[in-house]
Amino acid sequence: AWTPRVDVKDKQDCYEITAELPGVKKEDLHVTLRNGVLTIEAETRQDDKEEKDGKLIRQERRYGKLTRSFAVGAEVKESDISASFENGVLTLTAPKHEPKAPEARRIEVR
C-alpha cells in the first residue's frame, strides 16, 4: 500500500482536499462517504521498460493500492461533495457544517 500526498485547505464555507495520484486512471479511482468519513481508494500498476537490441536492460514496476480517509462530519451528504480528477490530481470539496449544540429539555419534577 502507498499513501498519496494530500493537501487539506480550510476555506470559508468548505474543506478542499487535493490528492496527488500519479499513474491512477479515473476508472480505478473510488471515492465513498460512509458515516461521516470520506474515503479515497485506488489501485495502480505501471510498467516502464527500456530495451536495447532485444535485451532487457532496465525494468521497473510500481504496483499499489491506496486508501485515505477523512472525517467530514455526519451531517455531510454524498450530494454535498464535489469531485474532479485531472492530470493525476483529485480535488474534493466538502461543505462545512456547524456542529449542533446538544438540545436541553427541562424535565418536570412531580
C-alpha atoms as a PDB file:
ATOM      1  CA  ALA A   1       0.000   0.000   0.000  1.00  0.00           C
ATOM      2  CA  TRP A   2       1.140   3.552  -0.642  1.00  0.00           C
ATOM      3  CA  THR A   3      -0.108   6.875   0.581  1.00  0.00           C
ATOM      4  CA  PRO A   4      -0.729   9.799  -1.765  1.00  0.00           C
ATOM      5  CA  ARG A   5       0.378  13.311  -0.911  1.00  0.00           C
ATOM      6  CA  VAL A   6      -2.629  15.279   0.244  1.00  0.00           C
ATOM      7  CA  ASP A   7      -3.346  18.944   0.931  1.00  0.00           C
ATOM      8  CA  VAL A   8      -6.371  19.890   3.032  1.00  0.00           C
ATOM      9  CA  LYS A   9      -7.468  23.512   2.874  1.00  0.00           C
ATOM     10  CA  ASP A  10      -9.874  25.106   5.335  1.00  0.00           C
ATOM     11  CA  LYS A  11     -11.855  27.583   3.257  1.00  0.00           C
ATOM     12  CA  GLN A  12     -14.599  29.896   4.479  1.00  0.00           C
ATOM     13  CA  ASP A  13     -17.529  27.584   3.763  1.00  0.00           C
ATOM     14  CA  CYS A  14     -15.887  24.271   2.817  1.00  0.00           C
ATOM     15  CA  TYR A  15     -12.885  21.988   3.058  1.00  0.00           C
ATOM     16  CA  GLU A  16     -10.880  21.303  -0.095  1.00  0.00           C
ATOM     17  CA  ILE A  17      -8.889  18.070  -0.295  1.00  0.00           C
ATOM     18  CA  THR A  18      -6.321  17.714  -3.083  1.00  0.00           C
ATOM     19  CA  ALA A  19      -4.582  14.367  -3.590  1.00  0.00           C
ATOM     20  CA  GLU A  20      -1.728  13.572  -5.980  1.00  0.00           C
ATOM     21  CA  LEU A  21      -2.462  10.237  -7.644  1.00  0.00           C
ATOM     22  CA  PRO A  22       0.216   9.708 -10.331  1.00  0.00           C
ATOM     23  CA  GLY A  23      -0.416   6.740 -12.592  1.00  0.00           C
ATOM     24  CA  VAL A  24      -4.008   6.276 -11.403  1.00  0.00           C
ATOM     25  CA  LYS A  25      -6.719   6.130 -14.035  1.00  0.00           C
ATOM     26  CA  LYS A  26     -10.112   7.699 -13.390  1.00  0.00           C
ATOM     27  CA  GLU A  27     -11.831   4.311 -13.704  1.00  0.00           C
ATOM     28  CA  ASP A  28      -9.553   2.862 -10.978  1.00  0.00           C
ATOM     29  CA  LEU A  29     -10.448   5.616  -8.509  1.00  0.00           C
ATOM     30  CA  HIS A  30     -13.270   5.272  -5.962  1.00  0.00           C
ATOM     31  CA  VAL A  31     -14.465   7.942  -3.538  1.00  0.00           C
ATOM     32  CA  THR A  32     -17.036   6.968  -0.919  1.00  0.00           C
ATOM     33  CA  LEU A  33     -18.798   8.589   2.019  1.00  0.00           C
ATOM     34  CA  ARG A  34     -19.898   6.461   4.943  1.00  0.00           C
ATOM     35  CA  ASN A  35     -20.888   7.563   8.438  1.00  0.00           C
ATOM     36  CA  GLY A  36     -19.249  10.971   8.018  1.00  0.00           C
ATOM     37  CA  VAL A  37     -15.960   9.568   6.709  1.00  0.00           C
ATOM     38  CA  LEU A  38     -14.826  10.397   3.162  1.00  0.00           C
ATOM     39  CA  THR A  39     -12.580   7.653   1.726  1.00  0.00           C
ATOM     40  CA  ILE A  40     -10.354   7.699  -1.363  1.00  0.00           C
ATOM     41  CA  GLU A  41      -9.379   4.292  -2.773  1.00  0.00           C
ATOM     42  CA  ALA A  42      -7.352   3.472  -5.892  1.00  0.00           C
ATOM     43  CA  GLU A  43      -5.159   0.797  -7.379  1.00  0.00           C
ATOM     44  CA  THR A  44      -2.344   1.358  -9.834  1.00  0.00           C
ATOM     45  CA  ARG A  45       0.075  -0.616 -11.926  1.00  0.00           C
ATOM     46  CA  GLN A  46       2.768   0.929 -14.060  1.00  0.00           C
ATOM     47  CA  ASP A  47       5.434  -0.780 -16.140  1.00  0.00           C
ATOM     48  CA  ASP A  48       8.494   1.043 -17.531  1.00  0.00           C
ATOM     49  CA  LYS A  49      10.849  -0.785 -19.857  1.00  0.00           C
ATOM     50  CA  GLU A  50      13.987   0.082 -21.766  1.00  0.00           C
ATOM     51  CA  GLU A  51      15.226  -2.319 -24.402  1.00  0.00           C
ATOM     52  CA  LYS A  52      18.392  -2.296 -26.448  1.00  0.00           C
ATOM     53  CA  ASP A  53      18.907  -4.800 -29.269  1.00  0.00           C
ATOM     54  CA  GLY A  54      16.147  -7.004 -27.882  1.00  0.00           C
ATOM     55  CA  LYS A  55      17.775  -7.419 -24.463  1.00  0.00           C
ATOM     56  CA  LEU A  56      16.096  -6.035 -21.383  1.00  0.00           C
ATOM     57  CA  ILE A  57      18.376  -3.525 -19.683  1.00  0.00           C
ATOM     58  CA  ARG A  58      16.017  -1.997 -17.156  1.00  0.00           C
ATOM     59  CA  GLN A  59      12.507  -2.775 -15.988  1.00  0.00           C
ATOM     60  CA  GLU A  60      10.691  -1.005 -13.182  1.00  0.00           C
ATOM     61  CA  ARG A  61       7.243  -1.764 -11.889  1.00  0.00           C
ATOM     62  CA  ARG A  62       5.039   0.089  -9.486  1.00  0.00           C
ATOM     63  CA  TYR A  63       2.049  -1.660  -8.066  1.00  0.00           C
ATOM     64  CA  GLY A  64      -0.009  -0.277  -5.324  1.00  0.00           C
ATOM     65  CA  LYS A  65      -3.299   0.117  -3.608  1.00  0.00           C
ATOM     66  CA  LEU A  66      -4.089   3.182  -1.592  1.00  0.00           C
ATOM     67  CA  THR A  67      -6.695   4.196   0.906  1.00  0.00           C
ATOM     68  CA  ARG A  68      -7.001   7.583   2.627  1.00  0.00           C
ATOM     69  CA  SER A  69      -9.875   8.621   4.865  1.00  0.00           C
ATOM     70  CA  PHE A  70     -11.014  11.982   6.217  1.00  0.00           C
ATOM     71  CA  ALA A  71     -13.700  12.745   8.803  1.00  0.00           C
ATOM     72  CA  VAL A  72     -16.078  15.309   7.283  1.00  0.00           C
ATOM     73  CA  GLY A  73     -18.952  15.025   9.764  1.00  0.00           C
ATOM     74  CA  ALA A  74     -22.151  13.030   9.894  1.00  0.00           C
ATOM     75  CA  GLU A  75     -24.174  15.968   8.531  1.00  0.00           C
ATOM     76  CA  VAL A  76     -22.406  15.884   5.146  1.00  0.00           C
ATOM     77  CA  LYS A  77     -24.295  14.016   2.420  1.00  0.00           C
ATOM     78  CA  GLU A  78     -22.883  12.441  -0.726  1.00  0.00           C
ATOM     79  CA  SER A  79     -24.677  15.039  -2.850  1.00  0.00           C
ATOM     80  CA  ASP A  80     -22.878  17.836  -0.936  1.00  0.00           C
ATOM     81  CA  ILE A  81     -19.425  16.692  -2.096  1.00  0.00           C
ATOM     82  CA  SER A  82     -17.973  17.624  -5.467  1.00  0.00           C
ATOM     83  CA  ALA A  83     -15.051  15.815  -7.080  1.00  0.00           C
ATOM     84  CA  SER A  84     -12.825  16.398 -10.098  1.00  0.00           C
ATOM     85  CA  PHE A  85      -9.858  14.432 -11.430  1.00  0.00           C
ATOM     86  CA  GLU A  86      -7.417  15.989 -13.876  1.00  0.00           C
ATOM     87  CA  ASN A  87      -3.789  15.180 -14.739  1.00  0.00           C
ATOM     88  CA  GLY A  88      -3.423  12.775 -11.802  1.00  0.00           C
ATOM     89  CA  VAL A  89      -4.784  15.238  -9.236  1.00  0.00           C
ATOM     90  CA  LEU A  90      -8.043  14.564  -7.386  1.00  0.00           C
ATOM     91  CA  THR A  91      -9.825  17.580  -5.900  1.00  0.00           C
ATOM     92  CA  LEU A  92     -12.694  17.072  -3.451  1.00  0.00           C
ATOM     93  CA  THR A  93     -14.805  19.812  -1.913  1.00  0.00           C
ATOM     94  CA  ALA A  94     -16.872  19.099   1.208  1.00  0.00           C
ATOM     95  CA  PRO A  95     -19.051  21.745   2.883  1.00  0.00           C
ATOM     96  CA  LYS A  96     -18.580  22.756   6.486  1.00  0.00           C
ATOM     97  CA  HIS A  97     -21.452  22.254   8.870  1.00  0.00           C
ATOM     98  CA  GLU A  98     -21.736  23.913  12.229  1.00  0.00           C
ATOM     99  CA  PRO A  99     -21.877  21.310  14.965  1.00  0.00           C
ATOM    100  CA  LYS A 100     -25.277  21.176  16.546  1.00  0.00           C
ATOM    101  CA  ALA A 101     -25.413  22.120  20.194  1.00  0.00           C
ATOM    102  CA  PRO A 102     -26.928  19.466  22.415  1.00  0.00           C
ATOM    103  CA  GLU A 103     -30.580  20.157  22.951  1.00  0.00           C
ATOM    104  CA  ALA A 104     -31.513  20.734  26.570  1.00  0.00           C
ATOM    105  CA  ARG A 105     -35.001  19.907  27.785  1.00  0.00           C
ATOM    106  CA  ARG A 106     -36.434  20.678  31.117  1.00  0.00           C
ATOM    107  CA  ILE A 107     -37.908  17.732  32.953  1.00  0.00           C
ATOM    108  CA  GLU A 108     -40.779  18.469  35.218  1.00  0.00           C
ATOM    109  CA  VAL A 109     -40.298  17.164  38.726  1.00  0.00           C
ATOM    110  CA  ARG A 110     -43.540  15.990  40.382  1.00  0.00           C
END
